[in-house]
Full PDB file with SEQRES, HELIX, SHEET, SSBOND, CRYST1, ORIGX, SCALE, CONECT and MASTER records, all heavy atoms in Angstrom:
SEQRES   1 A   35  ARG PHE THR THR GLY ARG ARG ARG LYS THR TRP VAL GLN          
SEQRES   2 A   35  ASN VAL LEU SER LEU GLY LEU ALA ALA GLY PHE MET GLU          
SEQRES   3 A   35  PRO LEU GLU SER THR GLY LEU HIS LEU                          
HELIX    1 AA1 GLY A   19  ALA A   21  5                                   3    
HELIX    2 AA2 PRO A   27  GLU A   29  5                                   3    
SHEET    1 AA1 2 GLY A   5  ARG A   6  0                                        
SHEET    2 AA1 2 GLY A  23  PHE A  24 -1                                        
SHEET    1 AA2 2 TRP A  11  VAL A  12  0                                        
SHEET    2 AA2 2 VAL A  15  LEU A  16 -1                                        
CRYST1    1.000    1.000    1.000  90.00  90.00  90.00 P 1           1          
ORIGX1      1.000000  0.000000  0.000000        0.00000                         
ORIGX2      0.000000  1.000000  0.000000        0.00000                         
ORIGX3      0.000000  0.000000  1.000000        0.00000                         
SCALE1      1.000000  0.000000  0.000000        0.00000                         
SCALE2      0.000000  1.000000  0.000000        0.00000                         
SCALE3      0.000000  0.000000  1.000000        0.00000                         
ATOM      1  N   ARG A   1      69.800  35.064 -93.665  1.00  0.00           N  
ATOM      2  CA  ARG A   1      69.990  33.589 -93.685  1.00  0.00           C  
ATOM      3  C   ARG A   1      69.495  32.978 -92.361  1.00  0.00           C  
ATOM      4  O   ARG A   1      69.714  33.602 -91.333  1.00  0.00           O  
ATOM      5  CB  ARG A   1      71.441  33.204 -93.821  1.00  0.00           C  
ATOM      6  CG  ARG A   1      72.014  33.691 -95.202  1.00  0.00           C  
ATOM      7  CD  ARG A   1      73.403  33.126 -95.454  1.00  0.00           C  
ATOM      8  NE  ARG A   1      73.945  33.643 -96.745  1.00  0.00           N  
ATOM      9  CZ  ARG A   1      75.048  33.134 -97.250  1.00  0.00           C  
ATOM     10  NH1 ARG A   1      75.736  32.176 -96.715  1.00  0.00           N  
ATOM     11  NH2 ARG A   1      75.449  33.579 -98.420  1.00  0.00           N  
ATOM     12  N   PHE A   2      68.757  31.893 -92.498  1.00  0.00           N  
ATOM     13  CA  PHE A   2      68.246  31.313 -91.224  1.00  0.00           C  
ATOM     14  C   PHE A   2      68.068  29.781 -91.470  1.00  0.00           C  
ATOM     15  O   PHE A   2      68.148  29.271 -92.535  1.00  0.00           O  
ATOM     16  CB  PHE A   2      66.888  31.953 -90.917  1.00  0.00           C  
ATOM     17  CG  PHE A   2      65.865  31.881 -92.055  1.00  0.00           C  
ATOM     18  CD1 PHE A   2      65.125  30.763 -92.255  1.00  0.00           C  
ATOM     19  CD2 PHE A   2      65.702  32.999 -92.850  1.00  0.00           C  
ATOM     20  CE1 PHE A   2      64.205  30.694 -93.276  1.00  0.00           C  
ATOM     21  CE2 PHE A   2      64.769  33.066 -93.901  1.00  0.00           C  
ATOM     22  CZ  PHE A   2      64.005  31.836 -94.209  1.00  0.00           C  
ATOM     23  N   THR A   3      67.935  29.083 -90.335  1.00  0.00           N  
ATOM     24  CA  THR A   3      67.569  27.682 -90.387  1.00  0.00           C  
ATOM     25  C   THR A   3      66.357  27.531 -89.511  1.00  0.00           C  
ATOM     26  O   THR A   3      66.366  27.774 -88.312  1.00  0.00           O  
ATOM     27  CB  THR A   3      68.784  26.869 -89.783  1.00  0.00           C  
ATOM     28  OG1 THR A   3      69.921  27.083 -90.517  1.00  0.00           O  
ATOM     29  CG2 THR A   3      68.419  25.375 -89.678  1.00  0.00           C  
ATOM     30  N   THR A   4      65.319  27.066 -90.132  1.00  0.00           N  
ATOM     31  CA  THR A   4      64.046  26.868 -89.405  1.00  0.00           C  
ATOM     32  C   THR A   4      64.171  25.764 -88.415  1.00  0.00           C  
ATOM     33  O   THR A   4      64.695  24.633 -88.799  1.00  0.00           O  
ATOM     34  CB  THR A   4      62.904  26.497 -90.406  1.00  0.00           C  
ATOM     35  OG1 THR A   4      62.718  27.651 -91.248  1.00  0.00           O  
ATOM     36  CG2 THR A   4      61.538  26.332 -89.560  1.00  0.00           C  
ATOM     37  N   GLY A   5      63.811  25.955 -87.198  1.00  0.00           N  
ATOM     38  CA  GLY A   5      63.773  25.021 -86.147  1.00  0.00           C  
ATOM     39  C   GLY A   5      63.902  25.650 -84.773  1.00  0.00           C  
ATOM     40  O   GLY A   5      63.406  26.814 -84.650  1.00  0.00           O  
ATOM     41  N   ARG A   6      64.335  24.885 -83.823  1.00  0.00           N  
ATOM     42  CA  ARG A   6      64.298  25.458 -82.431  1.00  0.00           C  
ATOM     43  C   ARG A   6      65.454  24.872 -81.677  1.00  0.00           C  
ATOM     44  O   ARG A   6      66.005  23.874 -82.042  1.00  0.00           O  
ATOM     45  CB  ARG A   6      62.961  25.124 -81.769  1.00  0.00           C  
ATOM     46  CG  ARG A   6      62.729  23.643 -81.463  1.00  0.00           C  
ATOM     47  CD  ARG A   6      61.643  23.361 -80.614  1.00  0.00           C  
ATOM     48  NE  ARG A   6      61.354  21.901 -80.389  1.00  0.00           N  
ATOM     49  CZ  ARG A   6      62.055  21.100 -79.506  1.00  0.00           C  
ATOM     50  NH1 ARG A   6      62.924  21.742 -78.673  1.00  0.00           N  
ATOM     51  NH2 ARG A   6      61.787  19.820 -79.373  1.00  0.00           N  
ATOM     52  N   ARG A   7      65.765  25.549 -80.527  1.00  0.00           N  
ATOM     53  CA  ARG A   7      66.775  25.008 -79.577  1.00  0.00           C  
ATOM     54  C   ARG A   7      66.171  23.691 -79.014  1.00  0.00           C  
ATOM     55  O   ARG A   7      65.026  23.702 -78.691  1.00  0.00           O  
ATOM     56  CB  ARG A   7      67.062  26.014 -78.495  1.00  0.00           C  
ATOM     57  CG  ARG A   7      67.682  27.305 -78.920  1.00  0.00           C  
ATOM     58  CD  ARG A   7      69.045  27.177 -79.449  1.00  0.00           C  
ATOM     59  NE  ARG A   7      69.462  28.537 -79.975  1.00  0.00           N  
ATOM     60  CZ  ARG A   7      70.410  28.712 -80.851  1.00  0.00           C  
ATOM     61  NH1 ARG A   7      71.081  27.737 -81.306  1.00  0.00           N  
ATOM     62  NH2 ARG A   7      70.623  29.928 -81.324  1.00  0.00           N  
ATOM     63  N   ARG A   8      67.024  22.742 -78.810  1.00  0.00           N  
ATOM     64  CA  ARG A   8      66.537  21.523 -78.062  1.00  0.00           C  
ATOM     65  C   ARG A   8      66.127  21.814 -76.666  1.00  0.00           C  
ATOM     66  O   ARG A   8      65.126  21.188 -76.227  1.00  0.00           O  
ATOM     67  CB  ARG A   8      67.687  20.503 -78.091  1.00  0.00           C  
ATOM     68  CG  ARG A   8      68.053  20.042 -79.556  1.00  0.00           C  
ATOM     69  CD  ARG A   8      68.947  18.777 -79.522  1.00  0.00           C  
ATOM     70  NE  ARG A   8      69.312  18.439 -80.846  1.00  0.00           N  
ATOM     71  CZ  ARG A   8      68.622  17.720 -81.691  1.00  0.00           C  
ATOM     72  NH1 ARG A   8      67.405  17.186 -81.268  1.00  0.00           N  
ATOM     73  NH2 ARG A   8      68.908  17.399 -82.960  1.00  0.00           N  
ATOM     74  N   LYS A   9      66.760  22.833 -76.028  1.00  0.00           N  
ATOM     75  CA  LYS A   9      66.355  23.304 -74.763  1.00  0.00           C  
ATOM     76  C   LYS A   9      66.399  24.825 -74.794  1.00  0.00           C  
ATOM     77  O   LYS A   9      67.463  25.368 -75.138  1.00  0.00           O  
ATOM     78  CB  LYS A   9      67.188  22.720 -73.661  1.00  0.00           C  
ATOM     79  CG  LYS A   9      67.076  21.270 -73.460  1.00  0.00           C  
ATOM     80  CD  LYS A   9      67.968  20.845 -72.242  1.00  0.00           C  
ATOM     81  CE  LYS A   9      67.892  19.320 -72.020  1.00  0.00           C  
ATOM     82  NZ  LYS A   9      68.695  18.939 -70.890  1.00  0.00           N  
ATOM     83  N   THR A  10      65.345  25.470 -74.534  1.00  0.00           N  
ATOM     84  CA  THR A  10      65.283  26.965 -74.593  1.00  0.00           C  
ATOM     85  C   THR A  10      65.616  27.505 -73.229  1.00  0.00           C  
ATOM     86  O   THR A  10      65.810  28.686 -73.138  1.00  0.00           O  
ATOM     87  CB  THR A  10      63.956  27.412 -75.162  1.00  0.00           C  
ATOM     88  OG1 THR A  10      62.944  26.739 -74.462  1.00  0.00           O  
ATOM     89  CG2 THR A  10      63.829  27.199 -76.603  1.00  0.00           C  
ATOM     90  N   TRP A  11      65.617  26.734 -72.113  1.00  0.00           N  
ATOM     91  CA  TRP A  11      66.050  27.168 -70.807  1.00  0.00           C  
ATOM     92  C   TRP A  11      67.031  26.127 -70.392  1.00  0.00           C  
ATOM     93  O   TRP A  11      66.754  24.910 -70.152  1.00  0.00           O  
ATOM     94  CB  TRP A  11      64.753  27.242 -69.846  1.00  0.00           C  
ATOM     95  CG  TRP A  11      65.041  27.612 -68.490  1.00  0.00           C  
ATOM     96  CD1 TRP A  11      66.311  27.717 -67.803  1.00  0.00           C  
ATOM     97  CD2 TRP A  11      64.104  28.088 -67.497  1.00  0.00           C  
ATOM     98  NE1 TRP A  11      66.061  28.180 -66.533  1.00  0.00           N  
ATOM     99  CE2 TRP A  11      64.772  28.366 -66.278  1.00  0.00           C  
ATOM    100  CE3 TRP A  11      62.751  28.185 -67.612  1.00  0.00           C  
ATOM    101  CZ2 TRP A  11      64.106  28.756 -65.119  1.00  0.00           C  
ATOM    102  CZ3 TRP A  11      62.010  28.637 -66.426  1.00  0.00           C  
ATOM    103  CH2 TRP A  11      62.778  28.939 -65.205  1.00  0.00           C  
ATOM    104  N   VAL A  12      68.210  26.615 -70.159  1.00  0.00           N  
ATOM    105  CA  VAL A  12      69.335  25.670 -69.598  1.00  0.00           C  
ATOM    106  C   VAL A  12      69.977  26.451 -68.415  1.00  0.00           C  
ATOM    107  O   VAL A  12      70.400  27.606 -68.582  1.00  0.00           O  
ATOM    108  CB  VAL A  12      70.440  25.511 -70.671  1.00  0.00           C  
ATOM    109  CG1 VAL A  12      71.470  24.647 -70.114  1.00  0.00           C  
ATOM    110  CG2 VAL A  12      69.775  24.816 -71.914  1.00  0.00           C  
ATOM    111  N   GLN A  13      69.942  25.767 -67.309  1.00  0.00           N  
ATOM    112  CA  GLN A  13      70.491  26.308 -66.036  1.00  0.00           C  
ATOM    113  C   GLN A  13      69.931  27.684 -65.764  1.00  0.00           C  
ATOM    114  O   GLN A  13      68.747  27.738 -65.563  1.00  0.00           O  
ATOM    115  CB  GLN A  13      72.072  26.309 -66.085  1.00  0.00           C  
ATOM    116  CG  GLN A  13      72.599  24.887 -66.155  1.00  0.00           C  
ATOM    117  CD  GLN A  13      74.115  24.775 -66.201  1.00  0.00           C  
ATOM    118  OE1 GLN A  13      74.697  24.307 -67.112  1.00  0.00           O  
ATOM    119  NE2 GLN A  13      74.730  25.201 -65.099  1.00  0.00           N  
ATOM    120  N   ASN A  14      70.714  28.747 -65.633  1.00  0.00           N  
ATOM    121  CA  ASN A  14      70.111  30.061 -65.372  1.00  0.00           C  
ATOM    122  C   ASN A  14      70.077  30.932 -66.584  1.00  0.00           C  
ATOM    123  O   ASN A  14      70.130  32.210 -66.479  1.00  0.00           O  
ATOM    124  CB  ASN A  14      70.922  30.705 -64.266  1.00  0.00           C  
ATOM    125  CG  ASN A  14      72.324  31.212 -64.738  1.00  0.00           C  
ATOM    126  OD1 ASN A  14      72.859  30.524 -65.568  1.00  0.00           O  
ATOM    127  ND2 ASN A  14      72.798  32.229 -64.109  1.00  0.00           N  
ATOM    128  N   VAL A  15      69.865  30.288 -67.725  1.00  0.00           N  
ATOM    129  CA  VAL A  15      69.642  31.070 -68.994  1.00  0.00           C  
ATOM    130  C   VAL A  15      68.347  30.714 -69.673  1.00  0.00           C  
ATOM    131  O   VAL A  15      68.182  29.451 -69.936  1.00  0.00           O  
ATOM    132  CB  VAL A  15      70.908  30.893 -69.902  1.00  0.00           C  
ATOM    133  CG1 VAL A  15      70.608  31.584 -71.281  1.00  0.00           C  
ATOM    134  CG2 VAL A  15      72.142  31.547 -69.293  1.00  0.00           C  
ATOM    135  N   LEU A  16      67.616  31.616 -70.078  1.00  0.00           N  
ATOM    136  CA  LEU A  16      66.357  31.418 -70.971  1.00  0.00           C  
ATOM    137  C   LEU A  16      66.650  32.102 -72.258  1.00  0.00           C  
ATOM    138  O   LEU A  16      67.180  33.292 -72.274  1.00  0.00           O  
ATOM    139  CB  LEU A  16      65.121  32.055 -70.224  1.00  0.00           C  
ATOM    140  CG  LEU A  16      63.839  31.920 -71.027  1.00  0.00           C  
ATOM    141  CD1 LEU A  16      63.251  30.608 -70.813  1.00  0.00           C  
ATOM    142  CD2 LEU A  16      62.913  33.080 -70.596  1.00  0.00           C  
ATOM    143  N   SER A  17      66.238  31.493 -73.362  1.00  0.00           N  
ATOM    144  CA  SER A  17      66.377  32.152 -74.660  1.00  0.00           C  
ATOM    145  C   SER A  17      65.105  32.526 -75.228  1.00  0.00           C  
ATOM    146  O   SER A  17      64.063  31.857 -74.984  1.00  0.00           O  
ATOM    147  CB  SER A  17      67.073  31.163 -75.708  1.00  0.00           C  
ATOM    148  OG  SER A  17      66.385  29.950 -75.766  1.00  0.00           O  
ATOM    149  N   LEU A  18      65.039  33.698 -75.790  1.00  0.00           N  
ATOM    150  CA  LEU A  18      63.742  34.228 -76.415  1.00  0.00           C  
ATOM    151  C   LEU A  18      64.087  34.719 -77.807  1.00  0.00           C  
ATOM    152  O   LEU A  18      65.190  35.035 -78.219  1.00  0.00           O  
ATOM    153  CB  LEU A  18      63.260  35.395 -75.540  1.00  0.00           C  
ATOM    154  CG  LEU A  18      62.515  35.005 -74.262  1.00  0.00           C  
ATOM    155  CD1 LEU A  18      62.266  36.317 -73.584  1.00  0.00           C  
ATOM    156  CD2 LEU A  18      61.329  34.201 -74.483  1.00  0.00           C  
ATOM    157  N   GLY A  19      62.949  34.856 -78.631  1.00  0.00           N  
ATOM    158  CA  GLY A  19      63.115  35.352 -79.989  1.00  0.00           C  
ATOM    159  C   GLY A  19      63.977  34.432 -80.850  1.00  0.00           C  
ATOM    160  O   GLY A  19      63.899  33.197 -80.704  1.00  0.00           O  
ATOM    161  N   LEU A  20      64.784  34.997 -81.666  1.00  0.00           N  
ATOM    162  CA  LEU A  20      65.560  34.237 -82.624  1.00  0.00           C  
ATOM    163  C   LEU A  20      66.629  33.383 -81.933  1.00  0.00           C  
ATOM    164  O   LEU A  20      67.134  32.415 -82.481  1.00  0.00           O  
ATOM    165  CB  LEU A  20      66.236  35.125 -83.699  1.00  0.00           C  
ATOM    166  CG  LEU A  20      65.307  35.941 -84.459  1.00  0.00           C  
ATOM    167  CD1 LEU A  20      66.079  36.780 -85.472  1.00  0.00           C  
ATOM    168  CD2 LEU A  20      64.390  35.034 -85.310  1.00  0.00           C  
ATOM    169  N   ALA A  21      66.954  33.774 -80.699  1.00  0.00           N  
ATOM    170  CA  ALA A  21      67.917  32.895 -79.943  1.00  0.00           C  
ATOM    171  C   ALA A  21      67.290  31.658 -79.502  1.00  0.00           C  
ATOM    172  O   ALA A  21      68.003  30.657 -79.209  1.00  0.00           O  
ATOM    173  CB  ALA A  21      68.407  33.651 -78.651  1.00  0.00           C  
ATOM    174  N   ALA A  22      65.936  31.480 -79.467  1.00  0.00           N  
ATOM    175  CA  ALA A  22      65.276  30.333 -79.160  1.00  0.00           C  
ATOM    176  C   ALA A  22      64.895  29.434 -80.285  1.00  0.00           C  
ATOM    177  O   ALA A  22      64.755  28.201 -80.099  1.00  0.00           O  
ATOM    178  CB  ALA A  22      63.967  30.658 -78.379  1.00  0.00           C  
ATOM    179  N   GLY A  23      64.768  30.051 -81.483  1.00  0.00           N  
ATOM    180  CA  GLY A  23      64.351  29.266 -82.661  1.00  0.00           C  
ATOM    181  C   GLY A  23      63.812  30.241 -83.676  1.00  0.00           C  
ATOM    182  O   GLY A  23      63.689  31.351 -83.470  1.00  0.00           O  
ATOM    183  N   PHE A  24      63.581  29.579 -84.839  1.00  0.00           N  
ATOM    184  CA  PHE A  24      63.068  30.391 -85.954  1.00  0.00           C  
ATOM    185  C   PHE A  24      62.030  29.672 -86.787  1.00  0.00           C  
ATOM    186  O   PHE A  24      62.161  28.546 -87.135  1.00  0.00           O  
ATOM    187  CB  PHE A  24      64.182  30.837 -86.933  1.00  0.00           C  
ATOM    188  CG  PHE A  24      63.777  31.748 -88.052  1.00  0.00           C  
ATOM    189  CD1 PHE A  24      63.590  33.127 -87.889  1.00  0.00           C  
ATOM    190  CD2 PHE A  24      63.432  31.277 -89.338  1.00  0.00           C  
ATOM    191  CE1 PHE A  24      63.144  33.944 -88.803  1.00  0.00           C  
ATOM    192  CE2 PHE A  24      62.983  32.110 -90.310  1.00  0.00           C  
ATOM    193  CZ  PHE A  24      62.793  33.413 -90.133  1.00  0.00           C  
ATOM    194  N   MET A  25      60.911  30.460 -86.918  1.00  0.00           N  
ATOM    195  CA  MET A  25      59.771  29.938 -87.800  1.00  0.00           C  
ATOM    196  C   MET A  25      59.656  31.050 -88.877  1.00  0.00           C  
ATOM    197  O   MET A  25      59.497  32.223 -88.499  1.00  0.00           O  
ATOM    198  CB  MET A  25      58.489  29.890 -86.956  1.00  0.00           C  
ATOM    199  CG  MET A  25      58.449  28.815 -85.909  1.00  0.00           C  
ATOM    200  SD  MET A  25      58.502  27.168 -86.620  1.00  0.00           S  
ATOM    201  CE  MET A  25      57.940  26.260 -85.233  1.00  0.00           C  
ATOM    202  N   GLU A  26      59.683  30.676 -90.065  1.00  0.00           N  
ATOM    203  CA  GLU A  26      59.592  31.673 -91.182  1.00  0.00           C  
ATOM    204  C   GLU A  26      58.277  32.426 -90.927  1.00  0.00           C  
ATOM    205  O   GLU A  26      57.299  31.899 -90.384  1.00  0.00           O  
ATOM    206  CB  GLU A  26      59.549  30.994 -92.551  1.00  0.00           C  
ATOM    207  CG  GLU A  26      58.462  30.077 -92.781  1.00  0.00           C  
ATOM    208  CD  GLU A  26      58.601  29.454 -94.162  1.00  0.00           C  
ATOM    209  OE1 GLU A  26      59.334  28.467 -94.322  1.00  0.00           O  
ATOM    210  OE2 GLU A  26      57.940  29.984 -95.127  1.00  0.00           O  
ATOM    211  N   PRO A  27      58.213  33.730 -91.342  1.00  0.00           N  
ATOM    212  CA  PRO A  27      57.152  34.601 -90.942  1.00  0.00           C  
ATOM    213  C   PRO A  27      55.819  34.373 -91.687  1.00  0.00           C  
ATOM    214  O   PRO A  27      55.051  35.301 -91.915  1.00  0.00           O  
ATOM    215  CB  PRO A  27      57.712  35.991 -91.228  1.00  0.00           C  
ATOM    216  CG  PRO A  27      58.695  35.850 -92.308  1.00  0.00           C  
ATOM    217  CD  PRO A  27      59.337  34.370 -92.044  1.00  0.00           C  
ATOM    218  N   LEU A  28      55.583  33.142 -92.192  1.00  0.00           N  
ATOM    219  CA  LEU A  28      54.494  32.817 -92.998  1.00  0.00           C  
ATOM    220  C   LEU A  28      53.085  33.167 -92.365  1.00  0.00           C  
ATOM    221  O   LEU A  28      52.133  33.547 -92.957  1.00  0.00           O  
ATOM    222  CB  LEU A  28      54.489  31.390 -93.438  1.00  0.00           C  
ATOM    223  CG  LEU A  28      53.471  30.814 -94.283  1.00  0.00           C  
ATOM    224  CD1 LEU A  28      53.270  31.510 -95.619  1.00  0.00           C  
ATOM    225  CD2 LEU A  28      53.641  29.312 -94.610  1.00  0.00           C  
ATOM    226  N   GLU A  29      53.006  32.828 -90.991  1.00  0.00           N  
ATOM    227  CA  GLU A  29      51.800  33.067 -90.145  1.00  0.00           C  
ATOM    228  C   GLU A  29      52.078  34.005 -89.034  1.00  0.00           C  
ATOM    229  O   GLU A  29      51.358  34.059 -88.088  1.00  0.00           O  
ATOM    230  CB  GLU A  29      51.206  31.762 -89.666  1.00  0.00           C  
ATOM    231  CG  GLU A  29      50.633  30.934 -90.767  1.00  0.00           C  
ATOM    232  CD  GLU A  29      49.221  31.401 -91.136  1.00  0.00           C  
ATOM    233  OE1 GLU A  29      48.702  32.391 -90.530  1.00  0.00           O  
ATOM    234  OE2 GLU A  29      48.610  30.852 -92.131  1.00  0.00           O  
ATOM    235  N   SER A  30      53.091  34.771 -89.263  1.00  0.00           N  
ATOM    236  CA  SER A  30      53.343  35.968 -88.317  1.00  0.00           C  
ATOM    237  C   SER A  30      53.447  35.506 -86.855  1.00  0.00           C  
ATOM    238  O   SER A  30      52.921  36.158 -85.987  1.00  0.00           O  
ATOM    239  CB  SER A  30      52.261  37.026 -88.441  1.00  0.00           C  
ATOM    240  OG  SER A  30      51.999  37.326 -89.769  1.00  0.00           O  
ATOM    241  N   THR A  31      54.263  34.491 -86.537  1.00  0.00           N  
ATOM    242  CA  THR A  31      54.270  33.992 -85.184  1.00  0.00           C  
ATOM    243  C   THR A  31      55.600  34.391 -84.440  1.00  0.00           C  
ATOM    244  O   THR A  31      55.728  34.073 -83.282  1.00  0.00           O  
ATOM    245  CB  THR A  31      54.261  32.419 -85.306  1.00  0.00           C  
ATOM    246  OG1 THR A  31      55.269  31.998 -86.178  1.00  0.00           O  
ATOM    247  CG2 THR A  31      52.946  31.937 -85.747  1.00  0.00           C  
ATOM    248  N   GLY A  32      56.460  35.097 -85.115  1.00  0.00           N  
ATOM    249  CA  GLY A  32      57.791  35.438 -84.375  1.00  0.00           C  
ATOM    250  C   GLY A  32      57.604  36.136 -83.136  1.00  0.00           C  
ATOM    251  O   GLY A  32      58.108  35.718 -82.031  1.00  0.00           O  
ATOM    252  N   LEU A  33      56.884  37.277 -83.148  1.00  0.00           N  
ATOM    253  CA  LEU A  33      56.758  38.063 -81.833  1.00  0.00           C  
ATOM    254  C   LEU A  33      55.872  37.324 -80.865  1.00  0.00           C  
ATOM    255  O   LEU A  33      56.037  37.421 -79.676  1.00  0.00           O  
ATOM    256  CB  LEU A  33      56.217  39.439 -82.176  1.00  0.00           C  
ATOM    257  CG  LEU A  33      57.170  40.378 -82.872  1.00  0.00           C  
ATOM    258  CD1 LEU A  33      56.517  41.721 -83.030  1.00  0.00           C  
ATOM    259  CD2 LEU A  33      58.466  40.575 -82.093  1.00  0.00           C  
ATOM    260  N   HIS A  34      54.939  36.496 -81.399  1.00  0.00           N  
ATOM    261  CA  HIS A  34      54.068  35.793 -80.459  1.00  0.00           C  
ATOM    262  C   HIS A  34      54.902  34.773 -79.709  1.00  0.00           C  
ATOM    263  O   HIS A  34      54.585  34.632 -78.542  1.00  0.00           O  
ATOM    264  CB  HIS A  34      52.906  35.064 -81.211  1.00  0.00           C  
ATOM    265  CG  HIS A  34      52.152  34.196 -80.311  1.00  0.00           C  
ATOM    266  ND1 HIS A  34      51.251  34.658 -79.442  1.00  0.00           N  
ATOM    267  CD2 HIS A  34      52.243  32.800 -80.036  1.00  0.00           C  
ATOM    268  CE1 HIS A  34      50.724  33.653 -78.764  1.00  0.00           C  
ATOM    269  NE2 HIS A  34      51.290  32.493 -79.067  1.00  0.00           N  
ATOM    270  N   LEU A  35      55.820  34.037 -80.327  1.00  0.00           N  
ATOM    271  CA  LEU A  35      56.609  33.146 -79.678  1.00  0.00           C  
ATOM    272  C   LEU A  35      57.481  33.782 -78.488  1.00  0.00           C  
ATOM    273  O   LEU A  35      57.576  33.207 -77.405  1.00  0.00           O  
ATOM    274  CB  LEU A  35      57.535  32.383 -80.592  1.00  0.00           C  
ATOM    275  CG  LEU A  35      56.816  31.311 -81.482  1.00  0.00           C  
ATOM    276  CD1 LEU A  35      57.672  30.896 -82.576  1.00  0.00           C  
ATOM    277  CD2 LEU A  35      56.372  30.147 -80.602  1.00  0.00           C  
TER     278      LEU A  35                                                      
MASTER        0    0    0    2    4    0    0    6  277    1    0    3          
END                                                                             
């Protein structure tokens, strides 16, 4: 289960989010690992 979208901020204070913690794009154009 997923919700397509992104964090409003992917870097907050001393925390950076990557991968699914940063957001989700369905794998239609294979962009997950590229992000």
